[in-house]
PDB file of N, CA and C in Angstrom:
ATOM      1  N   MET A   1       5.570  15.180   2.554  1.00  0.00           N
ATOM      2  CA  MET A   1       5.274  14.975   3.962  1.00  0.00           C
ATOM      3  C   MET A   1       3.908  15.552   4.327  1.00  0.00           C
ATOM      4  N   LYS A   2       3.617  16.754   3.775  1.00  0.00           N
ATOM      5  CA  LYS A   2       2.325  17.374   4.054  1.00  0.00           C
ATOM      6  C   LYS A   2       1.183  16.528   3.494  1.00  0.00           C
ATOM      7  N   ASN A   3       1.393  15.927   2.318  1.00  0.00           N
ATOM      8  CA  ASN A   3       0.360  15.087   1.713  1.00  0.00           C
ATOM      9  C   ASN A   3       0.085  13.855   2.564  1.00  0.00           C
ATOM     10  N   ILE A   4       1.126  13.256   3.097  1.00  0.00           N
ATOM     11  CA  ILE A   4       0.955  12.073   3.946  1.00  0.00           C
ATOM     12  C   ILE A   4       0.195  12.449   5.204  1.00  0.00           C
ATOM     13  N   LEU A   5       0.548  13.567   5.815  1.00  0.00           N
ATOM     14  CA  LEU A   5      -0.145  14.022   7.015  1.00  0.00           C
ATOM     15  C   LEU A   5      -1.616  14.305   6.713  1.00  0.00           C
ATOM     16  N   LEU A   6      -1.888  14.921   5.589  1.00  0.00           N
ATOM     17  CA  LEU A   6      -3.273  15.201   5.201  1.00  0.00           C
ATOM     18  C   LEU A   6      -4.061  13.910   5.027  1.00  0.00           C
ATOM     19  N   VAL A   7      -3.483  12.923   4.374  1.00  0.00           N
ATOM     20  CA  VAL A   7      -4.153  11.636   4.176  1.00  0.00           C
ATOM     21  C   VAL A   7      -4.420  10.969   5.515  1.00  0.00           C
ATOM     22  N   VAL A   8      -3.446  10.994   6.402  1.00  0.00           N
ATOM     23  CA  VAL A   8      -3.615  10.391   7.726  1.00  0.00           C
ATOM     24  C   VAL A   8      -4.747  11.072   8.476  1.00  0.00           C
ATOM     25  N   VAL A   9      -4.787  12.385   8.446  1.00  0.00           N
ATOM     26  CA  VAL A   9      -5.839  13.126   9.141  1.00  0.00           C
ATOM     27  C   VAL A   9      -7.198  12.822   8.535  1.00  0.00           C
ATOM     28  N   LEU A  10      -7.297  12.797   7.219  1.00  0.00           N
ATOM     29  CA  LEU A  10      -8.584  12.526   6.568  1.00  0.00           C
ATOM     30  C   LEU A  10      -9.082  11.120   6.844  1.00  0.00           C
ATOM     31  N   VAL A  11      -8.209  10.147   6.785  1.00  0.00           N
ATOM     32  CA  VAL A  11      -8.608   8.766   7.055  1.00  0.00           C
ATOM     33  C   VAL A  11      -9.017   8.610   8.512  1.00  0.00           C
ATOM     34  N   THR A  12      -8.247   9.191   9.400  1.00  0.00           N
ATOM     35  CA  THR A  12      -8.584   9.123  10.819  1.00  0.00           C
ATOM     36  C   THR A  12      -9.929   9.786  11.073  1.00  0.00           C
ATOM     37  N   PHE A  13     -10.161  10.914  10.461  1.00  0.00           N
ATOM     38  CA  PHE A  13     -11.431  11.610  10.603  1.00  0.00           C
ATOM     39  C   PHE A  13     -12.586  10.729  10.151  1.00  0.00           C
ATOM     40  N   ALA A  14     -12.400  10.054   9.043  1.00  0.00           N
ATOM     41  CA  ALA A  14     -13.446   9.195   8.504  1.00  0.00           C
ATOM     42  C   ALA A  14     -13.762   8.053   9.454  1.00  0.00           C
ATOM     43  N   LEU A  15     -12.771   7.469  10.039  1.00  0.00           N
ATOM     44  CA  LEU A  15     -12.979   6.314  10.897  1.00  0.00           C
ATOM     45  C   LEU A  15     -13.621   6.675  12.227  1.00  0.00           C
ATOM     46  N   VAL A  16     -13.228   7.772  12.815  1.00  0.00           N
ATOM     47  CA  VAL A  16     -13.849   8.200  14.074  1.00  0.00           C
ATOM     48  C   VAL A  16     -15.308   8.478  13.836  1.00  0.00           C
ATOM     49  N   THR A  17     -15.585   9.133  12.749  1.00  0.00           N
ATOM     50  CA  THR A  17     -16.953   9.496  12.425  1.00  0.00           C
ATOM     51  C   THR A  17     -17.834   8.271  12.260  1.00  0.00           C
ATOM     52  N   VAL A  18     -17.274   7.197  11.770  1.00  0.00           N
ATOM     53  CA  VAL A  18     -18.037   5.961  11.603  1.00  0.00           C
ATOM     54  C   VAL A  18     -18.704   5.590  12.904  1.00  0.00           C
ATOM     55  N   PHE A  19     -17.957   5.632  13.958  1.00  0.00           N
ATOM     56  CA  PHE A  19     -18.472   5.193  15.237  1.00  0.00           C
ATOM     57  C   PHE A  19     -19.212   6.297  15.974  1.00  0.00           C
ATOM     58  N   LEU A  20     -18.808   7.519  15.811  1.00  0.00           N
ATOM     59  CA  LEU A  20     -19.486   8.619  16.479  1.00  0.00           C
ATOM     60  C   LEU A  20     -20.877   8.849  15.902  1.00  0.00           C
ATOM     61  N   ALA A  21     -21.058   8.609  14.630  1.00  0.00           N
ATOM     62  CA  ALA A  21     -22.330   8.850  13.975  1.00  0.00           C
ATOM     63  C   ALA A  21     -23.413   7.894  14.441  1.00  0.00           C
ATOM     64  N   GLN A  22     -23.048   6.776  14.973  1.00  0.00           N
ATOM     65  CA  GLN A  22     -24.030   5.800  15.419  1.00  0.00           C
ATOM     66  C   GLN A  22     -24.719   6.242  16.706  1.00  0.00           C
ATOM     67  N   HIS A  23     -24.163   7.226  17.391  1.00  0.00           N
ATOM     68  CA  HIS A  23     -24.691   7.634  18.690  1.00  0.00           C
ATOM     69  C   HIS A  23     -26.115   8.170  18.565  1.00  0.00           C
ATOM     70  N   ASP A  24     -27.043   7.504  19.225  1.00  0.00           N
ATOM     71  CA  ASP A  24     -28.421   7.989  19.251  1.00  0.00           C
ATOM     72  C   ASP A  24     -28.980   7.911  20.667  1.00  0.00           C
ATOM     73  N   GLY A  25     -28.103   7.838  21.659  1.00  0.00           N
ATOM     74  CA  GLY A  25     -28.544   7.863  23.038  1.00  0.00           C
ATOM     75  C   GLY A  25     -28.863   6.511  23.629  1.00  0.00           C
ATOM     76  N   ASN A  26     -28.682   5.442  22.887  1.00  0.00           N
ATOM     77  CA  ASN A  26     -28.923   4.117  23.441  1.00  0.00           C
ATOM     78  C   ASN A  26     -27.900   3.139  22.902  1.00  0.00           C
ATOM     79  N   ASN A  27     -28.086   1.894  23.208  1.00  0.00           N
ATOM     80  CA  ASN A  27     -27.138   0.854  22.816  1.00  0.00           C
ATOM     81  C   ASN A  27     -27.549   0.265  21.472  1.00  0.00           C
ATOM     82  N   SER A  28     -27.371   1.034  20.409  1.00  0.00           N
ATOM     83  CA  SER A  28     -27.800   0.615  19.074  1.00  0.00           C
ATOM     84  C   SER A  28     -26.934  -0.513  18.545  1.00  0.00           C
ATOM     85  N   PRO A  29     -27.546  -1.536  17.958  1.00  0.00           N
ATOM     86  CA  PRO A  29     -26.763  -2.633  17.392  1.00  0.00           C
ATOM     87  C   PRO A  29     -26.093  -2.236  16.081  1.00  0.00           C
ATOM     88  N   ILE A  30     -24.920  -2.820  15.847  1.00  0.00           N
ATOM     89  CA  ILE A  30     -24.195  -2.616  14.602  1.00  0.00           C
ATOM     90  C   ILE A  30     -23.937  -3.994  14.015  1.00  0.00           C
ATOM     91  N   THR A  31     -24.245  -4.170  12.759  1.00  0.00           N
ATOM     92  CA  THR A  31     -24.116  -5.469  12.114  1.00  0.00           C
ATOM     93  C   THR A  31     -23.106  -5.394  10.984  1.00  0.00           C
ATOM     94  N   LYS A  32     -22.178  -6.348  10.951  1.00  0.00           N
ATOM     95  CA  LYS A  32     -21.229  -6.426   9.838  1.00  0.00           C
ATOM     96  C   LYS A  32     -21.988  -6.971   8.637  1.00  0.00           C
ATOM     97  N   VAL A  33     -22.051  -6.204   7.562  1.00  0.00           N
ATOM     98  CA  VAL A  33     -22.835  -6.561   6.395  1.00  0.00           C
ATOM     99  C   VAL A  33     -22.019  -7.405   5.423  1.00  0.00           C
ATOM    100  N   ASN A  34     -20.819  -6.946   5.085  1.00  0.00           N
ATOM    101  CA  ASN A  34     -20.001  -7.694   4.136  1.00  0.00           C
ATOM    102  C   ASN A  34     -18.561  -7.222   4.174  1.00  0.00           C
ATOM    103  N   THR A  35     -17.734  -7.928   3.451  1.00  0.00           N
ATOM    104  CA  THR A  35     -16.341  -7.552   3.255  1.00  0.00           C
ATOM    105  C   THR A  35     -16.198  -7.167   1.799  1.00  0.00           C
ATOM    106  N   GLN A  36     -15.820  -5.924   1.534  1.00  0.00           N
ATOM    107  CA  GLN A  36     -15.704  -5.450   0.163  1.00  0.00           C
ATOM    108  C   GLN A  36     -14.461  -6.014  -0.524  1.00  0.00           C
ATOM    109  N   GLU A  37     -13.384  -6.051   0.196  1.00  0.00           N
ATOM    110  CA  GLU A  37     -12.108  -6.602  -0.263  1.00  0.00           C
ATOM    111  C   GLU A  37     -11.359  -6.957   1.013  1.00  0.00           C
ATOM    112  N   PRO A  38     -10.290  -7.702   0.937  1.00  0.00           N
ATOM    113  CA  PRO A  38      -9.586  -8.070   2.162  1.00  0.00           C
ATOM    114  C   PRO A  38      -9.214  -6.834   2.985  1.00  0.00           C
ATOM    115  N   GLY A  39      -9.690  -6.793   4.222  1.00  0.00           N
ATOM    116  CA  GLY A  39      -9.381  -5.694   5.127  1.00  0.00           C
ATOM    117  C   GLY A  39     -10.329  -4.516   5.071  1.00  0.00           C
ATOM    118  N   VAL A  40     -11.336  -4.542   4.200  1.00  0.00           N
ATOM    119  CA  VAL A  40     -12.301  -3.444   4.101  1.00  0.00           C
ATOM    120  C   VAL A  40     -13.687  -4.010   4.404  1.00  0.00           C
ATOM    121  N   TYR A  41     -14.313  -3.497   5.455  1.00  0.00           N
ATOM    122  CA  TYR A  41     -15.569  -4.063   5.957  1.00  0.00           C
ATOM    123  C   TYR A  41     -16.674  -3.012   5.963  1.00  0.00           C
ATOM    124  N   THR A  42     -17.897  -3.455   5.709  1.00  0.00           N
ATOM    125  CA  THR A  42     -19.064  -2.590   5.778  1.00  0.00           C
ATOM    126  C   THR A  42     -19.922  -3.018   6.958  1.00  0.00           C
ATOM    127  N   TYR A  43     -20.315  -2.035   7.776  1.00  0.00           N
ATOM    128  CA  TYR A  43     -21.174  -2.276   8.926  1.00  0.00           C
ATOM    129  C   TYR A  43     -22.446  -1.468   8.759  1.00  0.00           C
ATOM    130  N   LYS A  44     -23.562  -2.021   9.225  1.00  0.00           N
ATOM    131  CA  LYS A  44     -24.831  -1.302   9.170  1.00  0.00           C
ATOM    132  C   LYS A  44     -25.311  -1.068  10.581  1.00  0.00           C
ATOM    133  N   GLY A  45     -25.502   0.193  10.929  1.00  0.00           N
ATOM    134  CA  GLY A  45     -26.024   0.557  12.233  1.00  0.00           C
ATOM    135  C   GLY A  45     -27.530   0.688  12.189  1.00  0.00           C
ATOM    136  N   ALA A  46     -28.139   0.710  13.348  1.00  0.00           N
ATOM    137  CA  ALA A  46     -29.590   0.785  13.433  1.00  0.00           C
ATOM    138  C   ALA A  46     -30.132   2.160  13.048  1.00  0.00           C
ATOM    139  N   THR A  47     -29.330   3.209  13.199  1.00  0.00           N
ATOM    140  CA  THR A  47     -29.864   4.555  12.987  1.00  0.00           C
ATOM    141  C   THR A  47     -29.101   5.425  12.012  1.00  0.00           C
ATOM    142  N   ARG A  48     -27.861   5.118  11.705  1.00  0.00           N
ATOM    143  CA  ARG A  48     -27.042   6.042  10.925  1.00  0.00           C
ATOM    144  C   ARG A  48     -26.515   5.484   9.611  1.00  0.00           C
ATOM    145  N   GLY A  49     -27.107   4.444   9.091  1.00  0.00           N
ATOM    146  CA  GLY A  49     -26.700   3.937   7.791  1.00  0.00           C
ATOM    147  C   GLY A  49     -25.447   3.093   7.842  1.00  0.00           C
ATOM    148  N   GLU A  50     -24.855   2.898   6.686  1.00  0.00           N
ATOM    149  CA  GLU A  50     -23.686   2.034   6.587  1.00  0.00           C
ATOM    150  C   GLU A  50     -22.394   2.789   6.871  1.00  0.00           C
ATOM    151  N   VAL A  51     -21.429   2.033   7.395  1.00  0.00           N
ATOM    152  CA  VAL A  51     -20.102   2.555   7.677  1.00  0.00           C
ATOM    153  C   VAL A  51     -19.097   1.616   7.023  1.00  0.00           C
ATOM    154  N   VAL A  52     -18.149   2.166   6.311  1.00  0.00           N
ATOM    155  CA  VAL A  52     -17.091   1.367   5.714  1.00  0.00           C
ATOM    156  C   VAL A  52     -15.828   1.581   6.550  1.00  0.00           C
ATOM    157  N   PHE A  53     -15.245   0.485   7.021  1.00  0.00           N
ATOM    158  CA  PHE A  53     -14.031   0.530   7.838  1.00  0.00           C
ATOM    159  C   PHE A  53     -12.895  -0.126   7.066  1.00  0.00           C
ATOM    160  N   ASN A  54     -11.827   0.617   6.854  1.00  0.00           N
ATOM    161  CA  ASN A  54     -10.675   0.100   6.132  1.00  0.00           C
ATOM    162  C   ASN A  54      -9.557  -0.219   7.131  1.00  0.00           C
ATOM    163  N   HIS A  55      -9.455  -1.494   7.498  1.00  0.00           N
ATOM    164  CA  HIS A  55      -8.438  -1.934   8.442  1.00  0.00           C
ATOM    165  C   HIS A  55      -7.047  -1.720   7.874  1.00  0.00           C
ATOM    166  N   ASN A  56      -6.889  -1.884   6.569  1.00  0.00           N
ATOM    167  CA  ASN A  56      -5.581  -1.726   5.930  1.00  0.00           C
ATOM    168  C   ASN A  56      -5.024  -0.325   6.162  1.00  0.00           C
ATOM    169  N   THR A  57      -5.843   0.685   5.965  1.00  0.00           N
ATOM    170  CA  THR A  57      -5.414   2.067   6.138  1.00  0.00           C
ATOM    171  C   THR A  57      -5.046   2.339   7.589  1.00  0.00           C
ATOM    172  N   HIS A  58      -5.877   1.863   8.513  1.00  0.00           N
ATOM    173  CA  HIS A  58      -5.596   2.083   9.931  1.00  0.00           C
ATOM    174  C   HIS A  58      -4.300   1.402  10.353  1.00  0.00           C
ATOM    175  N   SER A  59      -4.081   0.188   9.892  1.00  0.00           N
ATOM    176  CA  SER A  59      -2.883  -0.536  10.312  1.00  0.00           C
ATOM    177  C   SER A  59      -1.620   0.074   9.725  1.00  0.00           C
ATOM    178  N   GLU A  60      -1.734   0.803   8.616  1.00  0.00           N
ATOM    179  CA  GLU A  60      -0.586   1.500   8.054  1.00  0.00           C
ATOM    180  C   GLU A  60      -0.228   2.729   8.885  1.00  0.00           C
ATOM    181  N   MET A  61      -1.239   3.349   9.505  1.00  0.00           N
ATOM    182  CA  MET A  61      -1.023   4.580  10.262  1.00  0.00           C
ATOM    183  C   MET A  61      -0.646   4.332  11.722  1.00  0.00           C
ATOM    184  N   MET A  62      -1.091   3.217  12.271  1.00  0.00           N
ATOM    185  CA  MET A  62      -0.925   2.974  13.698  1.00  0.00           C
ATOM    186  C   MET A  62      -0.405   1.563  13.926  1.00  0.00           C
ATOM    187  N   GLY A  63       0.033   1.306  15.130  1.00  0.00           N
ATOM    188  CA  GLY A  63       0.447  -0.039  15.491  1.00  0.00           C
ATOM    189  C   GLY A  63      -0.746  -0.866  15.927  1.00  0.00           C
ATOM    190  N   CYS A  64      -0.629  -2.175  15.868  1.00  0.00           N
ATOM    191  CA  CYS A  64      -1.725  -3.076  16.255  1.00  0.00           C
ATOM    192  C   CYS A  64      -2.201  -2.806  17.681  1.00  0.00           C
ATOM    193  N   ALA A  65      -1.248  -2.587  18.591  1.00  0.00           N
ATOM    194  CA  ALA A  65      -1.582  -2.409  20.004  1.00  0.00           C
ATOM    195  C   ALA A  65      -2.407  -1.151  20.262  1.00  0.00           C
ATOM    196  N   ASP A  66      -2.364  -0.173  19.360  1.00  0.00           N
ATOM    197  CA  ASP A  66      -3.142   1.049  19.553  1.00  0.00           C
ATOM    198  C   ASP A  66      -4.635   0.750  19.662  1.00  0.00           C
ATOM    199  N   CYS A  67      -5.105  -0.220  18.921  1.00  0.00           N
ATOM    200  CA  CYS A  67      -6.525  -0.587  18.954  1.00  0.00           C
ATOM    201  C   CYS A  67      -6.760  -1.915  19.672  1.00  0.00           C
ATOM    202  N   HIS A  68      -5.885  -2.865  19.415  1.00  0.00           N
ATOM    203  CA  HIS A  68      -6.096  -4.229  19.898  1.00  0.00           C
ATOM    204  C   HIS A  68      -5.504  -4.492  21.268  1.00  0.00           C
ATOM    205  N   GLY A  69      -4.710  -3.574  21.802  1.00  0.00           N
ATOM    206  CA  GLY A  69      -4.060  -3.800  23.081  1.00  0.00           C
ATOM    207  C   GLY A  69      -2.898  -4.770  22.925  1.00  0.00           C
ATOM    208  N   GLU A  70      -2.507  -5.372  24.022  1.00  0.00           N
ATOM    209  CA  GLU A  70      -1.348  -6.263  24.019  1.00  0.00           C
ATOM    210  C   GLU A  70      -1.614  -7.608  23.354  1.00  0.00           C
ATOM    211  N   THR A  71      -2.892  -8.007  23.250  1.00  0.00           N
ATOM    212  CA  THR A  71      -3.238  -9.296  22.653  1.00  0.00           C
ATOM    213  C   THR A  71      -4.118  -9.066  21.440  1.00  0.00           C
ATOM    214  N   PRO A  72      -3.509  -8.927  20.250  1.00  0.00           N
ATOM    215  CA  PRO A  72      -4.319  -8.683  19.055  1.00  0.00           C
ATOM    216  C   PRO A  72      -5.374  -9.767  18.830  1.00  0.00           C
ATOM    217  N   GLY A  73      -6.508  -9.344  18.362  1.00  0.00           N
ATOM    218  CA  GLY A  73      -7.614 -10.225  18.050  1.00  0.00           C
ATOM    219  C   GLY A  73      -8.789  -9.384  17.589  1.00  0.00           C
ATOM    220  N   LYS A  74      -9.927 -10.016  17.426  1.00  0.00           N
ATOM    221  CA  LYS A  74     -11.123  -9.299  16.985  1.00  0.00           C
ATOM    222  C   LYS A  74     -11.560  -8.302  18.052  1.00  0.00           C
ATOM    223  N   ILE A  75     -12.090  -7.191  17.592  1.00  0.00           N
ATOM    224  CA  ILE A  75     -12.602  -6.146  18.471  1.00  0.00           C
ATOM    225  C   ILE A  75     -14.115  -6.138  18.329  1.00  0.00           C
ATOM    226  N   ASP A  76     -14.815  -6.085  19.458  1.00  0.00           N
ATOM    227  CA  ASP A  76     -16.275  -6.100  19.437  1.00  0.00           C
ATOM    228  C   ASP A  76     -16.804  -4.691  19.170  1.00  0.00           C
ATOM    229  N   VAL A  77     -17.323  -4.479  17.982  1.00  0.00           N
ATOM    230  CA  VAL A  77     -17.961  -3.210  17.640  1.00  0.00           C
ATOM    231  C   VAL A  77     -19.428  -3.463  17.294  1.00  0.00           C
ATOM    232  N   SER A  78     -20.026  -4.428  17.981  1.00  0.00           N
ATOM    233  CA  SER A  78     -21.414  -4.787  17.698  1.00  0.00           C
ATOM    234  C   SER A  78     -22.403  -3.819  18.337  1.00  0.00           C
ATOM    235  N   THR A  79     -21.899  -2.876  19.116  1.00  0.00           N
ATOM    236  CA  THR A  79     -22.758  -1.844  19.706  1.00  0.00           C
ATOM    237  C   THR A  79     -22.123  -0.480  19.453  1.00  0.00           C
ATOM    238  N   MET A  80     -22.936   0.540  19.559  1.00  0.00           N
ATOM    239  CA  MET A  80     -22.454   1.901  19.400  1.00  0.00           C
ATOM    240  C   MET A  80     -21.351   2.189  20.410  1.00  0.00           C
ATOM    241  N   GLU A  81     -21.559   1.795  21.655  1.00  0.00           N
ATOM    242  CA  GLU A  81     -20.573   2.055  22.696  1.00  0.00           C
ATOM    243  C   GLU A  81     -19.243   1.368  22.397  1.00  0.00           C
ATOM    244  N   GLY A  82     -19.304   0.168  21.834  1.00  0.00           N
ATOM    245  CA  GLY A  82     -18.079  -0.548  21.497  1.00  0.00           C
ATOM    246  C   GLY A  82     -17.272   0.171  20.448  1.00  0.00           C
ATOM    247  N   GLY A  83     -17.913   0.582  19.396  1.00  0.00           N
ATOM    248  CA  GLY A  83     -17.224   1.281  18.317  1.00  0.00           C
ATOM    249  C   GLY A  83     -16.786   2.677  18.709  1.00  0.00           C
ATOM    250  N   HIS A  84     -17.698   3.449  19.252  1.00  0.00           N
ATOM    251  CA  HIS A  84     -17.358   4.816  19.630  1.00  0.00           C
ATOM    252  C   HIS A  84     -16.319   4.837  20.745  1.00  0.00           C
ATOM    253  N   GLY A  85     -16.441   3.918  21.693  1.00  0.00           N
ATOM    254  CA  GLY A  85     -15.496   3.881  22.803  1.00  0.00           C
ATOM    255  C   GLY A  85     -14.080   3.631  22.339  1.00  0.00           C
ATOM    256  N   LEU A  86     -13.931   2.801  21.348  1.00  0.00           N
ATOM    257  CA  LEU A  86     -12.598   2.471  20.847  1.00  0.00           C
ATOM    258  C   LEU A  86     -12.027   3.575  19.964  1.00  0.00           C
ATOM    259  N   CYS A  87     -12.831   4.122  19.098  1.00  0.00           N
ATOM    260  CA  CYS A  87     -12.318   4.993  18.037  1.00  0.00           C
ATOM    261  C   CYS A  87     -12.430   6.484  18.328  1.00  0.00           C
ATOM    262  N   ALA A  88     -13.339   6.871  19.208  1.00  0.00           N
ATOM    263  CA  ALA A  88     -13.633   8.289  19.407  1.00  0.00           C
ATOM    264  C   ALA A  88     -12.432   9.105  19.852  1.00  0.00           C
ATOM    265  N   SER A  89     -11.610   8.572  20.725  1.00  0.00           N
ATOM    266  CA  SER A  89     -10.505   9.385  21.233  1.00  0.00           C
ATOM    267  C   SER A  89      -9.535   9.773  20.115  1.00  0.00           C
ATOM    268  N   CYS A  90      -9.156   8.830  19.268  1.00  0.00           N
ATOM    269  CA  CYS A  90      -8.243   9.159  18.157  1.00  0.00           C
ATOM    270  C   CYS A  90      -8.907  10.101  17.159  1.00  0.00           C
ATOM    271  N   HIS A  91     -10.138   9.812  16.797  1.00  0.00           N
ATOM    272  CA  HIS A  91     -10.815  10.641  15.811  1.00  0.00           C
ATOM    273  C   HIS A  91     -11.049  12.047  16.350  1.00  0.00           C
ATOM    274  N   ASN A  92     -11.422  12.185  17.595  1.00  0.00           N
ATOM    275  CA  ASN A  92     -11.617  13.515  18.172  1.00  0.00           C
ATOM    276  C   ASN A  92     -10.297  14.256  18.299  1.00  0.00           C
ATOM    277  N   ASP A  93      -9.228  13.560  18.688  1.00  0.00           N
ATOM    278  CA  ASP A  93      -7.910  14.189  18.832  1.00  0.00           C
ATOM    279  C   ASP A  93      -7.387  14.733  17.512  1.00  0.00           C
ATOM    280  N   THR A  94      -7.768  14.107  16.415  1.00  0.00           N
ATOM    281  CA  THR A  94      -7.291  14.550  15.099  1.00  0.00           C
ATOM    282  C   THR A  94      -8.265  15.515  14.435  1.00  0.00           C
ATOM    283  N   GLY A  95      -9.371  15.818  15.095  1.00  0.00           N
ATOM    284  CA  GLY A  95     -10.343  16.748  14.530  1.00  0.00           C
ATOM    285  C   GLY A  95     -11.260  16.122  13.502  1.00  0.00           C
ATOM    286  N   ILE A  96     -11.306  14.793  13.476  1.00  0.00           N
ATOM    287  CA  ILE A  96     -12.143  14.085  12.510  1.00  0.00           C
ATOM    288  C   ILE A  96     -13.336  13.511  13.256  1.00  0.00           C
ATOM    289  N   GLY A  97     -14.297  14.353  13.579  1.00  0.00           N
ATOM    290  CA  GLY A  97     -15.400  13.903  14.397  1.00  0.00           C
ATOM    291  C   GLY A  97     -16.765  14.049  13.765  1.00  0.00           C
ATOM    292  N   GLU A  98     -16.846  14.482  12.519  1.00  0.00           N
ATOM    293  CA  GLU A  98     -18.129  14.644  11.852  1.00  0.00           C
ATOM    294  C   GLU A  98     -18.718  13.282  11.500  1.00  0.00           C
ATOM    295  N   CYS A  99     -19.944  13.043  11.892  1.00  0.00           N
ATOM    296  CA  CYS A  99     -20.615  11.750  11.674  1.00  0.00           C
ATOM    297  C   CYS A  99     -20.651  11.367  10.187  1.00  0.00           C
ATOM    298  N   SER A 100     -20.934  12.334   9.344  1.00  0.00           N
ATOM    299  CA  SER A 100     -21.137  12.043   7.921  1.00  0.00           C
ATOM    300  C   SER A 100     -19.864  11.593   7.193  1.00  0.00           C
ATOM    301  N   VAL A 101     -18.704  11.747   7.808  1.00  0.00           N
ATOM    302  CA  VAL A 101     -17.479  11.304   7.153  1.00  0.00           C
ATOM    303  C   VAL A 101     -17.490   9.782   6.998  1.00  0.00           C
ATOM    304  N   CYS A 102     -18.019   9.090   7.983  1.00  0.00           N
ATOM    305  CA  CYS A 102     -18.047   7.625   7.936  1.00  0.00           C
ATOM    306  C   CYS A 102     -19.435   7.066   7.668  1.00  0.00           C
ATOM    307  N   HIS A 103     -20.456   7.716   8.177  1.00  0.00           N
ATOM    308  CA  HIS A 103     -21.819   7.209   8.054  1.00  0.00           C
ATOM    309  C   HIS A 103     -22.473   7.696   6.776  1.00  0.00           C
ATOM    310  N   SER A 104     -23.257   6.821   6.146  1.00  0.00           N
ATOM    311  CA  SER A 104     -23.915   7.157   4.892  1.00  0.00           C
ATOM    312  C   SER A 104     -25.156   8.017   5.067  1.00  0.00           C
ATOM    313  N   LYS A 105     -25.710   8.089   6.273  1.00  0.00           N
ATOM    314  CA  LYS A 105     -26.900   8.924   6.520  1.00  0.00           C
ATOM    315  C   LYS A 105     -26.488  10.232   7.141  1.00  0.00           C
TER     316      LYS A 105
END
Protein backbone atom coordinates (compact mmCIF):
# COMPACT_ATOMS: atom_id res chain seq x y z
CA MET A 1 0.00 0.00 0.00
CA LYS A 2 2.84 2.37 0.86
CA ASN A 3 4.50 1.64 -2.50
CA ILE A 4 1.32 2.45 -4.40
CA LEU A 5 0.90 5.71 -2.49
CA LEU A 6 4.52 6.63 -3.20
CA VAL A 7 4.09 5.95 -6.92
CA VAL A 8 0.90 8.02 -7.01
CA VAL A 9 2.60 10.93 -5.26
CA LEU A 10 5.66 10.78 -7.52
CA VAL A 11 3.63 10.62 -10.72
CA THR A 12 1.35 13.41 -9.58
CA PHE A 13 4.37 15.50 -8.66
CA ALA A 14 5.85 14.96 -12.10
CA LEU A 15 2.70 15.99 -13.91
CA VAL A 16 2.04 19.16 -11.93
CA THR A 17 5.60 20.21 -12.49
CA VAL A 18 5.17 19.82 -16.23
CA PHE A 19 2.74 22.66 -16.30
CA LEU A 20 4.13 24.74 -13.46
CA ALA A 21 7.59 24.83 -15.02
CA GLN A 22 6.29 26.58 -18.11
CA HIS A 23 5.43 29.68 -16.07
CA ASP A 24 7.51 32.63 -17.24
CA GLY A 25 5.08 35.46 -16.58
CA ASN A 26 3.33 35.47 -19.93
CA ASN A 27 1.15 33.36 -22.17
CA SER A 28 3.86 31.02 -23.47
CA PRO A 29 2.82 28.64 -26.25
CA ILE A 30 3.06 24.89 -25.74
CA THR A 31 3.30 22.60 -28.75
CA LYS A 32 2.57 18.88 -28.85
CA VAL A 33 5.71 17.40 -30.40
CA ASN A 34 4.92 13.70 -30.67
CA THR A 35 3.31 10.64 -29.17
CA GLN A 36 5.89 8.25 -27.73
CA GLU A 37 3.44 5.38 -27.29
CA PRO A 38 -0.34 5.27 -26.97
CA GLY A 39 -1.29 7.64 -24.15
CA VAL A 40 2.19 9.16 -23.65
CA TYR A 41 2.70 12.61 -25.19
CA THR A 42 5.63 15.01 -25.44
CA TYR A 43 5.03 18.77 -25.38
CA LYS A 44 7.55 21.52 -26.04
CA GLY A 45 7.16 24.82 -24.26
CA ALA A 46 8.67 28.11 -25.32
CA THR A 47 10.85 28.51 -22.23
CA ARG A 48 11.14 25.33 -20.17
CA GLY A 49 11.99 22.51 -22.55
CA GLU A 50 10.05 19.35 -23.19
CA VAL A 51 7.40 17.83 -20.96
CA VAL A 52 6.28 14.22 -21.14
CA PHE A 53 2.66 13.62 -20.10
CA ASN A 54 1.51 10.07 -19.41
CA HIS A 55 -2.28 9.98 -19.73
CA ASN A 56 -2.31 6.27 -18.87
CA THR A 57 -0.80 6.86 -15.42
CA HIS A 58 -3.13 9.76 -14.66
CA SER A 59 -6.24 7.86 -15.71
CA GLU A 60 -5.25 4.96 -13.43
CA MET A 61 -4.99 7.31 -10.44
CA MET A 62 -8.00 9.53 -11.06
CA GLY A 63 -11.38 9.50 -12.72
CA CYS A 64 -11.94 11.07 -16.15
CA ALA A 65 -14.14 13.82 -14.68
CA ASP A 66 -11.31 15.02 -12.42
CA CYS A 67 -9.61 16.60 -15.43
CA HIS A 68 -12.15 16.48 -18.24
CA GLY A 69 -15.25 17.52 -16.29
CA GLU A 70 -18.65 16.05 -17.09
CA THR A 71 -18.00 15.87 -20.85
CA PRO A 72 -14.74 14.04 -21.56
CA GLY A 73 -12.79 15.28 -24.55
CA LYS A 74 -9.53 16.97 -25.47
CA ILE A 75 -8.14 19.50 -23.02
CA ASP A 76 -6.50 22.65 -24.34
CA VAL A 77 -2.98 22.88 -22.92
CA SER A 78 -1.64 24.99 -25.77
CA THR A 79 -0.76 27.78 -23.33
CA MET A 80 0.97 27.89 -19.98
CA GLU A 81 -2.23 29.07 -18.32
CA GLY A 82 -4.18 26.16 -19.80
CA GLY A 83 -1.81 23.53 -18.52
CA HIS A 84 -0.95 25.08 -15.19
CA GLY A 85 -4.56 26.03 -14.52
CA LEU A 86 -5.72 22.47 -14.94
CA CYS A 87 -2.92 20.59 -13.22
CA ALA A 88 -1.49 22.94 -10.60
CA SER A 89 -4.07 22.35 -7.90
CA CYS A 90 -3.57 18.56 -7.80
CA HIS A 91 0.19 18.77 -8.11
CA ASN A 92 0.48 21.44 -5.42
CA ASP A 93 -1.90 19.55 -3.10
CA THR A 94 0.29 16.46 -3.33
CA GLY A 95 3.53 18.39 -2.84
CA ILE A 96 4.71 17.73 -6.38
CA GLY A 97 5.40 21.25 -7.53
CA GLU A 98 9.05 21.31 -8.60
CA CYS A 99 9.35 22.42 -12.25
CA SER A 100 12.23 20.06 -13.03
CA VAL A 101 10.15 16.96 -12.28
CA CYS A 102 8.30 17.38 -15.58
CA HIS A 103 10.34 19.92 -17.53
CA SER A 104 13.64 18.99 -19.17
CA LYS A 105 15.22 22.42 -18.54
